[in-house]
Structure formats: C-alpha cells, structure tokens
PDB file of N, CA and C in Angstrom:
ATOM      1  N   MET A   1      11.833 -32.938  69.218  1.00  0.00           N
ATOM      2  CA  MET A   1      12.294 -31.866  68.346  1.00  0.00           C
ATOM      3  C   MET A   1      13.060 -30.825  69.162  1.00  0.00           C
ATOM      4  N   ASP A   2      14.104 -30.344  68.604  1.00  0.00           N
ATOM      5  CA  ASP A   2      14.943 -29.335  69.264  1.00  0.00           C
ATOM      6  C   ASP A   2      14.160 -28.084  69.629  1.00  0.00           C
ATOM      7  N   ASN A   3      14.411 -27.549  70.817  1.00  0.00           N
ATOM      8  CA  ASN A   3      13.671 -26.351  71.281  1.00  0.00           C
ATOM      9  C   ASN A   3      13.872 -25.149  70.356  1.00  0.00           C
ATOM     10  N   SER A   4      15.040 -25.014  69.777  1.00  0.00           N
ATOM     11  CA  SER A   4      15.302 -23.918  68.841  1.00  0.00           C
ATOM     12  C   SER A   4      14.380 -24.019  67.628  1.00  0.00           C
ATOM     13  N   ILE A   5      14.238 -25.231  67.109  1.00  0.00           N
ATOM     14  CA  ILE A   5      13.369 -25.438  65.955  1.00  0.00           C
ATOM     15  C   ILE A   5      11.926 -25.119  66.337  1.00  0.00           C
ATOM     16  N   LEU A   6      11.495 -25.562  67.509  1.00  0.00           N
ATOM     17  CA  LEU A   6      10.155 -25.250  67.967  1.00  0.00           C
ATOM     18  C   LEU A   6       9.913 -23.765  68.045  1.00  0.00           C
ATOM     19  N   LYS A   7      10.903 -23.018  68.527  1.00  0.00           N
ATOM     20  CA  LYS A   7      10.804 -21.555  68.619  1.00  0.00           C
ATOM     21  C   LYS A   7      10.651 -20.944  67.229  1.00  0.00           C
ATOM     22  N   PHE A   8      11.449 -21.421  66.278  1.00  0.00           N
ATOM     23  CA  PHE A   8      11.356 -20.881  64.919  1.00  0.00           C
ATOM     24  C   PHE A   8      10.031 -21.228  64.275  1.00  0.00           C
ATOM     25  N   LEU A   9       9.522 -22.436  64.512  1.00  0.00           N
ATOM     26  CA  LEU A   9       8.207 -22.820  63.996  1.00  0.00           C
ATOM     27  C   LEU A   9       7.129 -21.943  64.591  1.00  0.00           C
ATOM     28  N   PHE A  10       7.231 -21.659  65.861  1.00  0.00           N
ATOM     29  CA  PHE A  10       6.270 -20.778  66.516  1.00  0.00           C
ATOM     30  C   PHE A  10       6.357 -19.358  65.904  1.00  0.00           C
ATOM     31  N   ASP A  11       7.569 -18.881  65.636  1.00  0.00           N
ATOM     32  CA  ASP A  11       7.730 -17.565  65.017  1.00  0.00           C
ATOM     33  C   ASP A  11       7.058 -17.512  63.655  1.00  0.00           C
ATOM     34  N   ILE A  12       7.221 -18.604  62.875  1.00  0.00           N
ATOM     35  CA  ILE A  12       6.570 -18.658  61.562  1.00  0.00           C
ATOM     36  C   ILE A  12       5.061 -18.642  61.724  1.00  0.00           C
ATOM     37  N   GLN A  13       4.559 -19.418  62.663  1.00  0.00           N
ATOM     38  CA  GLN A  13       3.112 -19.464  62.898  1.00  0.00           C
ATOM     39  C   GLN A  13       2.593 -18.067  63.295  1.00  0.00           C
ATOM     40  N   GLU A  14       3.319 -17.368  64.146  1.00  0.00           N
ATOM     41  CA  GLU A  14       2.906 -16.024  64.568  1.00  0.00           C
ATOM     42  C   GLU A  14       2.895 -15.065  63.394  1.00  0.00           C
ATOM     43  N   SER A  15       3.889 -15.162  62.502  1.00  0.00           N
ATOM     44  CA  SER A  15       3.927 -14.283  61.334  1.00  0.00           C
ATOM     45  C   SER A  15       2.794 -14.568  60.376  1.00  0.00           C
ATOM     46  N   ILE A  16       2.464 -15.844  60.182  1.00  0.00           N
ATOM     47  CA  ILE A  16       1.319 -16.192  59.334  1.00  0.00           C
ATOM     48  C   ILE A  16       0.039 -15.620  59.923  1.00  0.00           C
ATOM     49  N   ASN A  17      -0.135 -15.793  61.231  1.00  0.00           N
ATOM     50  CA  ASN A  17      -1.310 -15.248  61.893  1.00  0.00           C
ATOM     51  C   ASN A  17      -1.381 -13.722  61.750  1.00  0.00           C
ATOM     52  N   SER A  18      -0.224 -13.075  61.874  1.00  0.00           N
ATOM     53  CA  SER A  18      -0.169 -11.612  61.724  1.00  0.00           C
ATOM     54  C   SER A  18      -0.598 -11.189  60.322  1.00  0.00           C
ATOM     55  N   ILE A  19      -0.078 -11.873  59.308  1.00  0.00           N
ATOM     56  CA  ILE A  19      -0.471 -11.546  57.924  1.00  0.00           C
ATOM     57  C   ILE A  19      -1.985 -11.697  57.775  1.00  0.00           C
ATOM     58  N   GLU A  20      -2.526 -12.785  58.285  1.00  0.00           N
ATOM     59  CA  GLU A  20      -3.972 -12.994  58.181  1.00  0.00           C
ATOM     60  C   GLU A  20      -4.762 -11.897  58.897  1.00  0.00           C
ATOM     61  N   ASN A  21      -4.271 -11.497  60.075  1.00  0.00           N
ATOM     62  CA  ASN A  21      -4.931 -10.428  60.803  1.00  0.00           C
ATOM     63  C   ASN A  21      -4.820  -9.084  60.088  1.00  0.00           C
ATOM     64  N   TYR A  22      -3.685  -8.785  59.504  1.00  0.00           N
ATOM     65  CA  TYR A  22      -3.499  -7.544  58.778  1.00  0.00           C
ATOM     66  C   TYR A  22      -4.485  -7.429  57.624  1.00  0.00           C
ATOM     67  N   LEU A  23      -4.684  -8.559  56.932  1.00  0.00           N
ATOM     68  CA  LEU A  23      -5.525  -8.568  55.731  1.00  0.00           C
ATOM     69  C   LEU A  23      -7.001  -8.662  56.048  1.00  0.00           C
ATOM     70  N   GLY A  24      -7.349  -9.206  57.194  1.00  0.00           N
ATOM     71  CA  GLY A  24      -8.734  -9.369  57.568  1.00  0.00           C
ATOM     72  C   GLY A  24      -9.375 -10.494  56.773  1.00  0.00           C
ATOM     73  N   GLU A  25     -10.673 -10.706  57.028  1.00  0.00           N
ATOM     74  CA  GLU A  25     -11.385 -11.781  56.363  1.00  0.00           C
ATOM     75  C   GLU A  25     -11.634 -11.480  54.882  1.00  0.00           C
ATOM     76  N   LYS A  26     -11.873 -10.248  54.578  1.00  0.00           N
ATOM     77  CA  LYS A  26     -12.129  -9.869  53.171  1.00  0.00           C
ATOM     78  C   LYS A  26     -10.786  -9.459  52.543  1.00  0.00           C
ATOM     79  N   ARG A  27     -10.154 -10.424  51.957  1.00  0.00           N
ATOM     80  CA  ARG A  27      -8.854 -10.160  51.335  1.00  0.00           C
ATOM     81  C   ARG A  27      -9.057  -9.570  49.951  1.00  0.00           C
ATOM     82  N   ASP A  28      -8.507  -8.380  49.763  1.00  0.00           N
ATOM     83  CA  ASP A  28      -8.718  -7.653  48.530  1.00  0.00           C
ATOM     84  C   ASP A  28      -7.376  -7.102  48.054  1.00  0.00           C
ATOM     85  N   PHE A  29      -6.956  -7.543  46.875  1.00  0.00           N
ATOM     86  CA  PHE A  29      -5.676  -7.094  46.304  1.00  0.00           C
ATOM     87  C   PHE A  29      -5.631  -5.583  46.147  1.00  0.00           C
ATOM     88  N   ASN A  30      -6.737  -4.983  45.742  1.00  0.00           N
ATOM     89  CA  ASN A  30      -6.745  -3.536  45.537  1.00  0.00           C
ATOM     90  C   ASN A  30      -6.568  -2.768  46.846  1.00  0.00           C
ATOM     91  N   VAL A  31      -7.156  -3.293  47.934  1.00  0.00           N
ATOM     92  CA  VAL A  31      -6.949  -2.669  49.262  1.00  0.00           C
ATOM     93  C   VAL A  31      -5.485  -2.829  49.667  1.00  0.00           C
ATOM     94  N   TYR A  32      -4.933  -3.995  49.408  1.00  0.00           N
ATOM     95  CA  TYR A  32      -3.516  -4.286  49.701  1.00  0.00           C
ATOM     96  C   TYR A  32      -2.619  -3.299  48.950  1.00  0.00           C
ATOM     97  N   MET A  33      -2.895  -3.116  47.673  1.00  0.00           N
ATOM     98  CA  MET A  33      -2.069  -2.233  46.852  1.00  0.00           C
ATOM     99  C   MET A  33      -2.172  -0.765  47.255  1.00  0.00           C
ATOM    100  N   ALA A  34      -3.312  -0.402  47.760  1.00  0.00           N
ATOM    101  CA  ALA A  34      -3.560   1.019  48.105  1.00  0.00           C
ATOM    102  C   ALA A  34      -2.968   1.394  49.463  1.00  0.00           C
ATOM    103  N   ASN A  35      -2.492   0.422  50.218  1.00  0.00           N
ATOM    104  CA  ASN A  35      -2.032   0.692  51.579  1.00  0.00           C
ATOM    105  C   ASN A  35      -0.547   0.298  51.729  1.00  0.00           C
ATOM    106  N   LYS A  36       0.310   1.268  51.603  1.00  0.00           N
ATOM    107  CA  LYS A  36       1.747   1.034  51.682  1.00  0.00           C
ATOM    108  C   LYS A  36       2.160   0.451  53.023  1.00  0.00           C
ATOM    109  N   MET A  37       1.544   0.920  54.104  1.00  0.00           N
ATOM    110  CA  MET A  37       1.888   0.415  55.438  1.00  0.00           C
ATOM    111  C   MET A  37       1.518  -1.063  55.553  1.00  0.00           C
ATOM    112  N   LEU A  38       0.386  -1.451  54.994  1.00  0.00           N
ATOM    113  CA  LEU A  38      -0.024  -2.856  54.986  1.00  0.00           C
ATOM    114  C   LEU A  38       0.961  -3.708  54.197  1.00  0.00           C
ATOM    115  N   ARG A  39       1.354  -3.220  53.026  1.00  0.00           N
ATOM    116  CA  ARG A  39       2.327  -3.990  52.204  1.00  0.00           C
ATOM    117  C   ARG A  39       3.628  -4.162  52.952  1.00  0.00           C
ATOM    118  N   ARG A  40       4.104  -3.105  53.567  1.00  0.00           N
ATOM    119  CA  ARG A  40       5.390  -3.175  54.309  1.00  0.00           C
ATOM    120  C   ARG A  40       5.280  -4.137  55.498  1.00  0.00           C
ATOM    121  N   ALA A  41       4.135  -4.127  56.180  1.00  0.00           N
ATOM    122  CA  ALA A  41       3.937  -5.031  57.326  1.00  0.00           C
ATOM    123  C   ALA A  41       3.953  -6.488  56.848  1.00  0.00           C
ATOM    124  N   VAL A  42       3.278  -6.770  55.758  1.00  0.00           N
ATOM    125  CA  VAL A  42       3.261  -8.129  55.205  1.00  0.00           C
ATOM    126  C   VAL A  42       4.659  -8.535  54.770  1.00  0.00           C
ATOM    127  N   GLU A  43       5.361  -7.644  54.110  1.00  0.00           N
ATOM    128  CA  GLU A  43       6.729  -7.950  53.676  1.00  0.00           C
ATOM    129  C   GLU A  43       7.632  -8.269  54.882  1.00  0.00           C
ATOM    130  N   ARG A  44       7.465  -7.521  55.962  1.00  0.00           N
ATOM    131  CA  ARG A  44       8.263  -7.758  57.182  1.00  0.00           C
ATOM    132  C   ARG A  44       7.954  -9.144  57.736  1.00  0.00           C
ATOM    133  N   GLU A  45       6.706  -9.549  57.724  1.00  0.00           N
ATOM    134  CA  GLU A  45       6.338 -10.890  58.217  1.00  0.00           C
ATOM    135  C   GLU A  45       6.961 -11.970  57.329  1.00  0.00           C
ATOM    136  N   PHE A  46       7.029 -11.721  56.029  1.00  0.00           N
ATOM    137  CA  PHE A  46       7.685 -12.688  55.130  1.00  0.00           C
ATOM    138  C   PHE A  46       9.169 -12.761  55.405  1.00  0.00           C
ATOM    139  N   GLU A  47       9.770 -11.620  55.775  1.00  0.00           N
ATOM    140  CA  GLU A  47      11.191 -11.649  56.181  1.00  0.00           C
ATOM    141  C   GLU A  47      11.396 -12.556  57.375  1.00  0.00           C
ATOM    142  N   ILE A  48      10.517 -12.412  58.357  1.00  0.00           N
ATOM    143  CA  ILE A  48      10.611 -13.237  59.573  1.00  0.00           C
ATOM    144  C   ILE A  48      10.426 -14.711  59.232  1.00  0.00           C
ATOM    145  N   ILE A  49       9.422 -15.010  58.434  1.00  0.00           N
ATOM    146  CA  ILE A  49       9.159 -16.404  58.039  1.00  0.00           C
ATOM    147  C   ILE A  49      10.399 -16.981  57.347  1.00  0.00           C
ATOM    148  N   GLY A  50      10.943 -16.228  56.401  1.00  0.00           N
ATOM    149  CA  GLY A  50      12.093 -16.716  55.639  1.00  0.00           C
ATOM    150  C   GLY A  50      13.345 -16.900  56.495  1.00  0.00           C
ATOM    151  N   GLU A  51      13.546 -15.986  57.434  1.00  0.00           N
ATOM    152  CA  GLU A  51      14.728 -16.086  58.294  1.00  0.00           C
ATOM    153  C   GLU A  51      14.581 -17.268  59.244  1.00  0.00           C
ATOM    154  N   ALA A  52      13.400 -17.438  59.811  1.00  0.00           N
ATOM    155  CA  ALA A  52      13.171 -18.604  60.680  1.00  0.00           C
ATOM    156  C   ALA A  52      13.335 -19.903  59.901  1.00  0.00           C
ATOM    157  N   MET A  53      12.843 -19.933  58.668  1.00  0.00           N
ATOM    158  CA  MET A  53      12.974 -21.137  57.866  1.00  0.00           C
ATOM    159  C   MET A  53      14.429 -21.411  57.540  1.00  0.00           C
ATOM    160  N   SER A  54      15.195 -20.376  57.282  1.00  0.00           N
ATOM    161  CA  SER A  54      16.639 -20.521  57.008  1.00  0.00           C
ATOM    162  C   SER A  54      17.345 -21.144  58.219  1.00  0.00           C
ATOM    163  N   ARG A  55      16.981 -20.708  59.397  1.00  0.00           N
ATOM    164  CA  ARG A  55      17.593 -21.224  60.616  1.00  0.00           C
ATOM    165  C   ARG A  55      17.187 -22.664  60.866  1.00  0.00           C
ATOM    166  N   ILE A  56      15.921 -22.985  60.580  1.00  0.00           N
ATOM    167  CA  ILE A  56      15.455 -24.376  60.710  1.00  0.00           C
ATOM    168  C   ILE A  56      16.229 -25.247  59.743  1.00  0.00           C
ATOM    169  N   GLU A  57      16.382 -24.785  58.522  1.00  0.00           N
ATOM    170  CA  GLU A  57      17.081 -25.570  57.478  1.00  0.00           C
ATOM    171  C   GLU A  57      18.511 -25.901  57.904  1.00  0.00           C
ATOM    172  N   LYS A  58      19.163 -24.963  58.586  1.00  0.00           N
ATOM    173  CA  LYS A  58      20.524 -25.218  59.047  1.00  0.00           C
ATOM    174  C   LYS A  58      20.562 -26.239  60.188  1.00  0.00           C
ATOM    175  N   LEU A  59      19.542 -26.212  61.035  1.00  0.00           N
ATOM    176  CA  LEU A  59      19.497 -27.143  62.165  1.00  0.00           C
ATOM    177  C   LEU A  59      19.001 -28.531  61.792  1.00  0.00           C
ATOM    178  N   ASP A  60      18.046 -28.608  60.870  1.00  0.00           N
ATOM    179  CA  ASP A  60      17.469 -29.889  60.498  1.00  0.00           C
ATOM    180  C   ASP A  60      16.957 -29.827  59.063  1.00  0.00           C
ATOM    181  N   PRO A  61      17.822 -30.086  58.091  1.00  0.00           N
ATOM    182  CA  PRO A  61      17.409 -30.011  56.668  1.00  0.00           C
ATOM    183  C   PRO A  61      16.344 -31.037  56.298  1.00  0.00           C
ATOM    184  N   SER A  62      16.159 -32.058  57.127  1.00  0.00           N
ATOM    185  CA  SER A  62      15.204 -33.104  56.783  1.00  0.00           C
ATOM    186  C   SER A  62      13.782 -32.793  57.259  1.00  0.00           C
ATOM    187  N   LEU A  63      13.592 -31.698  57.965  1.00  0.00           N
ATOM    188  CA  LEU A  63      12.248 -31.363  58.451  1.00  0.00           C
ATOM    189  C   LEU A  63      11.304 -31.151  57.274  1.00  0.00           C
ATOM    190  N   GLY A  64      10.144 -31.803  57.347  1.00  0.00           N
ATOM    191  CA  GLY A  64       9.211 -31.852  56.225  1.00  0.00           C
ATOM    192  C   GLY A  64       8.342 -30.612  56.049  1.00  0.00           C
ATOM    193  N   ILE A  65       8.918 -29.589  55.445  1.00  0.00           N
ATOM    194  CA  ILE A  65       8.169 -28.409  55.074  1.00  0.00           C
ATOM    195  C   ILE A  65       8.354 -28.200  53.567  1.00  0.00           C
ATOM    196  N   SER A  66       7.237 -28.203  52.856  1.00  0.00           N
ATOM    197  CA  SER A  66       7.345 -28.022  51.395  1.00  0.00           C
ATOM    198  C   SER A  66       7.703 -26.591  51.078  1.00  0.00           C
ATOM    199  N   GLY A  67       8.461 -26.406  50.053  1.00  0.00           N
ATOM    200  CA  GLY A  67       8.799 -25.061  49.597  1.00  0.00           C
ATOM    201  C   GLY A  67       9.794 -24.322  50.460  1.00  0.00           C
ATOM    202  N   LYS A  68      10.595 -25.036  51.243  1.00  0.00           N
ATOM    203  CA  LYS A  68      11.582 -24.375  52.143  1.00  0.00           C
ATOM    204  C   LYS A  68      12.488 -23.449  51.349  1.00  0.00           C
ATOM    205  N   LYS A  69      13.007 -23.940  50.279  1.00  0.00           N
ATOM    206  CA  LYS A  69      13.960 -23.128  49.481  1.00  0.00           C
ATOM    207  C   LYS A  69      13.278 -21.873  48.898  1.00  0.00           C
ATOM    208  N   GLN A  70      12.048 -22.016  48.434  1.00  0.00           N
ATOM    209  CA  GLN A  70      11.327 -20.874  47.868  1.00  0.00           C
ATOM    210  C   GLN A  70      11.011 -19.826  48.961  1.00  0.00           C
ATOM    211  N   ILE A  71      10.715 -20.310  50.166  1.00  0.00           N
ATOM    212  CA  ILE A  71      10.447 -19.390  51.268  1.00  0.00           C
ATOM    213  C   ILE A  71      11.703 -18.590  51.600  1.00  0.00           C
ATOM    214  N   ILE A  72      12.810 -19.262  51.667  1.00  0.00           N
ATOM    215  CA  ILE A  72      14.081 -18.584  51.965  1.00  0.00           C
ATOM    216  C   ILE A  72      14.432 -17.618  50.845  1.00  0.00           C
ATOM    217  N   SER A  73      14.205 -18.032  49.594  1.00  0.00           N
ATOM    218  CA  SER A  73      14.489 -17.159  48.442  1.00  0.00           C
ATOM    219  C   SER A  73      13.611 -15.903  48.477  1.00  0.00           C
ATOM    220  N   MET A  74      12.343 -16.074  48.864  1.00  0.00           N
ATOM    221  CA  MET A  74      11.477 -14.901  48.948  1.00  0.00           C
ATOM    222  C   MET A  74      11.996 -13.925  49.964  1.00  0.00           C
ATOM    223  N   ARG A  75      12.402 -14.432  51.094  1.00  0.00           N
ATOM    224  CA  ARG A  75      12.971 -13.566  52.139  1.00  0.00           C
ATOM    225  C   ARG A  75      14.162 -12.763  51.596  1.00  0.00           C
ATOM    226  N   ASN A  76      15.032 -13.447  50.858  1.00  0.00           N
ATOM    227  CA  ASN A  76      16.203 -12.768  50.310  1.00  0.00           C
ATOM    228  C   ASN A  76      15.789 -11.682  49.307  1.00  0.00           C
ATOM    229  N   ARG A  77      14.779 -11.991  48.491  1.00  0.00           N
ATOM    230  CA  ARG A  77      14.316 -10.984  47.513  1.00  0.00           C
ATOM    231  C   ARG A  77      13.713  -9.782  48.218  1.00  0.00           C
ATOM    232  N   VAL A  78      12.923 -10.016  49.264  1.00  0.00           N
ATOM    233  CA  VAL A  78      12.282  -8.924  49.978  1.00  0.00           C
ATOM    234  C   VAL A  78      13.333  -8.053  50.642  1.00  0.00           C
ATOM    235  N   ILE A  79      14.344  -8.670  51.255  1.00  0.00           N
ATOM    236  CA  ILE A  79      15.358  -7.903  51.968  1.00  0.00           C
ATOM    237  C   ILE A  79      16.329  -7.212  51.007  1.00  0.00           C
ATOM    238  N   HIS A  80      16.880  -7.983  50.095  1.00  0.00           N
ATOM    239  CA  HIS A  80      17.963  -7.446  49.247  1.00  0.00           C
ATOM    240  C   HIS A  80      17.458  -6.795  47.966  1.00  0.00           C
ATOM    241  N   GLY A  81      16.250  -7.137  47.563  1.00  0.00           N
ATOM    242  CA  GLY A  81      15.723  -6.565  46.338  1.00  0.00           C
ATOM    243  C   GLY A  81      14.507  -5.727  46.603  1.00  0.00           C
ATOM    244  N   TYR A  82      14.570  -4.983  47.713  1.00  0.00           N
ATOM    245  CA  TYR A  82      13.421  -4.222  48.171  1.00  0.00           C
ATOM    246  C   TYR A  82      12.837  -3.301  47.074  1.00  0.00           C
ATOM    247  N   ASP A  83      13.703  -2.868  46.166  1.00  0.00           N
ATOM    248  CA  ASP A  83      13.258  -1.972  45.091  1.00  0.00           C
ATOM    249  C   ASP A  83      12.648  -2.728  43.913  1.00  0.00           C
ATOM    250  N   LYS A  84      12.671  -4.048  43.988  1.00  0.00           N
ATOM    251  CA  LYS A  84      12.129  -4.838  42.893  1.00  0.00           C
ATOM    252  C   LYS A  84      11.059  -5.816  43.353  1.00  0.00           C
ATOM    253  N   ILE A  85      10.440  -5.515  44.478  1.00  0.00           N
ATOM    254  CA  ILE A  85       9.400  -6.409  45.008  1.00  0.00           C
ATOM    255  C   ILE A  85       8.183  -6.390  44.097  1.00  0.00           C
ATOM    256  N   ASP A  86       7.744  -7.574  43.716  1.00  0.00           N
ATOM    257  CA  ASP A  86       6.557  -7.711  42.873  1.00  0.00           C
ATOM    258  C   ASP A  86       5.359  -8.008  43.765  1.00  0.00           C
ATOM    259  N   ASP A  87       4.493  -7.026  43.918  1.00  0.00           N
ATOM    260  CA  ASP A  87       3.340  -7.155  44.812  1.00  0.00           C
ATOM    261  C   ASP A  87       2.416  -8.290  44.387  1.00  0.00           C
ATOM    262  N   GLU A  88       2.340  -8.586  43.106  1.00  0.00           N
ATOM    263  CA  GLU A  88       1.497  -9.675  42.633  1.00  0.00           C
ATOM    264  C   GLU A  88       2.060 -11.020  43.095  1.00  0.00           C
ATOM    265  N   ILE A  89       3.366 -11.142  43.116  1.00  0.00           N
ATOM    266  CA  ILE A  89       3.992 -12.399  43.615  1.00  0.00           C
ATOM    267  C   ILE A  89       3.733 -12.560  45.100  1.00  0.00           C
ATOM    268  N   ILE A  90       3.881 -11.480  45.847  1.00  0.00           N
ATOM    269  CA  ILE A  90       3.590 -11.514  47.285  1.00  0.00           C
ATOM    270  C   ILE A  90       2.136 -11.922  47.491  1.00  0.00           C
ATOM    271  N   TRP A  91       1.226 -11.300  46.751  1.00  0.00           N
ATOM    272  CA  TRP A  91      -0.191 -11.609  46.904  1.00  0.00           C
ATOM    273  C   TRP A  91      -0.483 -13.066  46.534  1.00  0.00           C
ATOM    274  N   GLY A  92       0.123 -13.527  45.465  1.00  0.00           N
ATOM    275  CA  GLY A  92      -0.030 -14.934  45.051  1.00  0.00           C
ATOM    276  C   GLY A  92       0.451 -15.886  46.116  1.00  0.00           C
ATOM    277  N   THR A  93       1.537 -15.543  46.764  1.00  0.00           N
ATOM    278  CA  THR A  93       2.062 -16.365  47.846  1.00  0.00           C
ATOM    279  C   THR A  93       1.093 -16.390  49.009  1.00  0.00           C
ATOM    280  N   ILE A  94       0.524 -15.258  49.319  1.00  0.00           N
ATOM    281  CA  ILE A  94      -0.475 -15.172  50.411  1.00  0.00           C
ATOM    282  C   ILE A  94      -1.655 -16.084  50.112  1.00  0.00           C
ATOM    283  N   VAL A  95      -2.148 -16.026  48.912  1.00  0.00           N
ATOM    284  CA  VAL A  95      -3.373 -16.753  48.534  1.00  0.00           C
ATOM    285  C   VAL A  95      -3.099 -18.253  48.341  1.00  0.00           C
ATOM    286  N   ARG A  96      -2.009 -18.593  47.661  1.00  0.00           N
ATOM    287  CA  ARG A  96      -1.781 -19.995  47.297  1.00  0.00           C
ATOM    288  C   ARG A  96      -0.924 -20.779  48.270  1.00  0.00           C
ATOM    289  N   HIS A  97       0.117 -20.167  48.801  1.00  0.00           N
ATOM    290  CA  HIS A  97       1.107 -20.927  49.567  1.00  0.00           C
ATOM    291  C   HIS A  97       1.028 -20.761  51.080  1.00  0.00           C
ATOM    292  N   LEU A  98       0.550 -19.643  51.553  1.00  0.00           N
ATOM    293  CA  LEU A  98       0.472 -19.426  52.984  1.00  0.00           C
ATOM    294  C   LEU A  98      -0.465 -20.423  53.697  1.00  0.00           C
ATOM    295  N   PRO A  99      -1.618 -20.747  53.106  1.00  0.00           N
ATOM    296  CA  PRO A  99      -2.481 -21.721  53.772  1.00  0.00           C
ATOM    297  C   PRO A  99      -1.819 -23.099  53.929  1.00  0.00           C
ATOM    298  N   ILE A 100      -1.033 -23.506  52.954  1.00  0.00           N
ATOM    299  CA  ILE A 100      -0.333 -24.793  53.033  1.00  0.00           C
ATOM    300  C   ILE A 100       0.735 -24.733  54.109  1.00  0.00           C
ATOM    301  N   LEU A 101       1.501 -23.649  54.128  1.00  0.00           N
ATOM    302  CA  LEU A 101       2.530 -23.490  55.134  1.00  0.00           C
ATOM    303  C   LEU A 101       1.913 -23.476  56.536  1.00  0.00           C
ATOM    304  N   LYS A 102       0.801 -22.804  56.671  1.00  0.00           N
ATOM    305  CA  LYS A 102       0.117 -22.738  57.976  1.00  0.00           C
ATOM    306  C   LYS A 102      -0.249 -24.126  58.469  1.00  0.00           C
ATOM    307  N   LEU A 103      -0.769 -24.947  57.576  1.00  0.00           N
ATOM    308  CA  LEU A 103      -1.112 -26.351  57.922  1.00  0.00           C
ATOM    309  C   LEU A 103       0.109 -27.145  58.333  1.00  0.00           C
ATOM    310  N   GLU A 104       1.159 -27.066  57.551  1.00  0.00           N
ATOM    311  CA  GLU A 104       2.385 -27.821  57.832  1.00  0.00           C
ATOM    312  C   GLU A 104       2.986 -27.403  59.171  1.00  0.00           C
ATOM    313  N   ILE A 105       3.061 -26.102  59.423  1.00  0.00           N
ATOM    314  CA  ILE A 105       3.638 -25.612  60.686  1.00  0.00           C
ATOM    315  C   ILE A 105       2.751 -26.071  61.856  1.00  0.00           C
ATOM    316  N   GLY A 106       1.439 -25.949  61.700  1.00  0.00           N
ATOM    317  CA  GLY A 106       0.521 -26.403  62.754  1.00  0.00           C
ATOM    318  C   GLY A 106       0.718 -27.876  63.081  1.00  0.00           C
ATOM    319  N   ASN A 107       0.874 -28.688  62.059  1.00  0.00           N
ATOM    320  CA  ASN A 107       1.087 -30.139  62.264  1.00  0.00           C
ATOM    321  C   ASN A 107       2.405 -30.400  62.979  1.00  0.00           C
ATOM    322  N   LEU A 108       3.455 -29.671  62.638  1.00  0.00           N
ATOM    323  CA  LEU A 108       4.742 -29.856  63.272  1.00  0.00           C
ATOM    324  C   LEU A 108       4.724 -29.414  64.733  1.00  0.00           C
ATOM    325  N   LEU A 109       3.923 -28.426  65.045  1.00  0.00           N
ATOM    326  CA  LEU A 109       3.842 -27.913  66.421  1.00  0.00           C
ATOM    327  C   LEU A 109       2.961 -28.782  67.331  1.00  0.00           C
ATOM    328  N   LYS A 110       2.161 -29.674  66.733  1.00  0.00           N
ATOM    329  CA  LYS A 110       1.295 -30.541  67.564  1.00  0.00           C
ATOM    330  C   LYS A 110       2.113 -31.610  68.262  1.00  0.00           C
TER     331      LYS A 110
END
C-alpha cells in the first residue's frame, strides 16, 4: 500500500481515537449538546477524517472503505455549511458509523 495512503489512514484512526477520547466512556448527547467546545472539537476531527478520505479516494478509489462518499460529504457539510450543522446527525454518525469505520481502518492498517 502506498505510504501516502497509510499516512491518511493513520490520520483517520487518530481522529477517531480523539473523538472517542473527547466523549469519554459515558457518551451522553445532552453533555455533547451543552458543550460548544466539545462539539467544535468533534466537528474538526470529522473535517480531518473527510479530508483524509478524499485524498485516499483520489489515490486509490478501489480501497475497501464503506461509506467513503458519505464521509467526504459530511466533511463538506461541516466546512461549507457550518451554519447548518445538524448535531443529531453528527451524534448519529458517532454512534452508528464511527465504530464501523474504526474497524475498517484498523484492518487496513494491519
């Protein structure tokens, strides 16, 4: 695998780990909503994940990561539609899709 792709995969893994660390073991949507700094930190990590995914897609579109297009689209919404960010969608992504992405990235990095 190309070293650039490995770097981007590592960046995604680091951002996923950061999101998990920010939220702690007791993930609570109300705590998330009450903390603007936490929300902004999580959004920034999603920007990094989406940008790294976009770069991977350009280098190797055949790389097996589910939801690549959705990840890149989320990045674009967070960056360009900052005033229309839906916190419930972000939270749903954290709960439903981040664990799958974490597994896939871990497998690719092995």
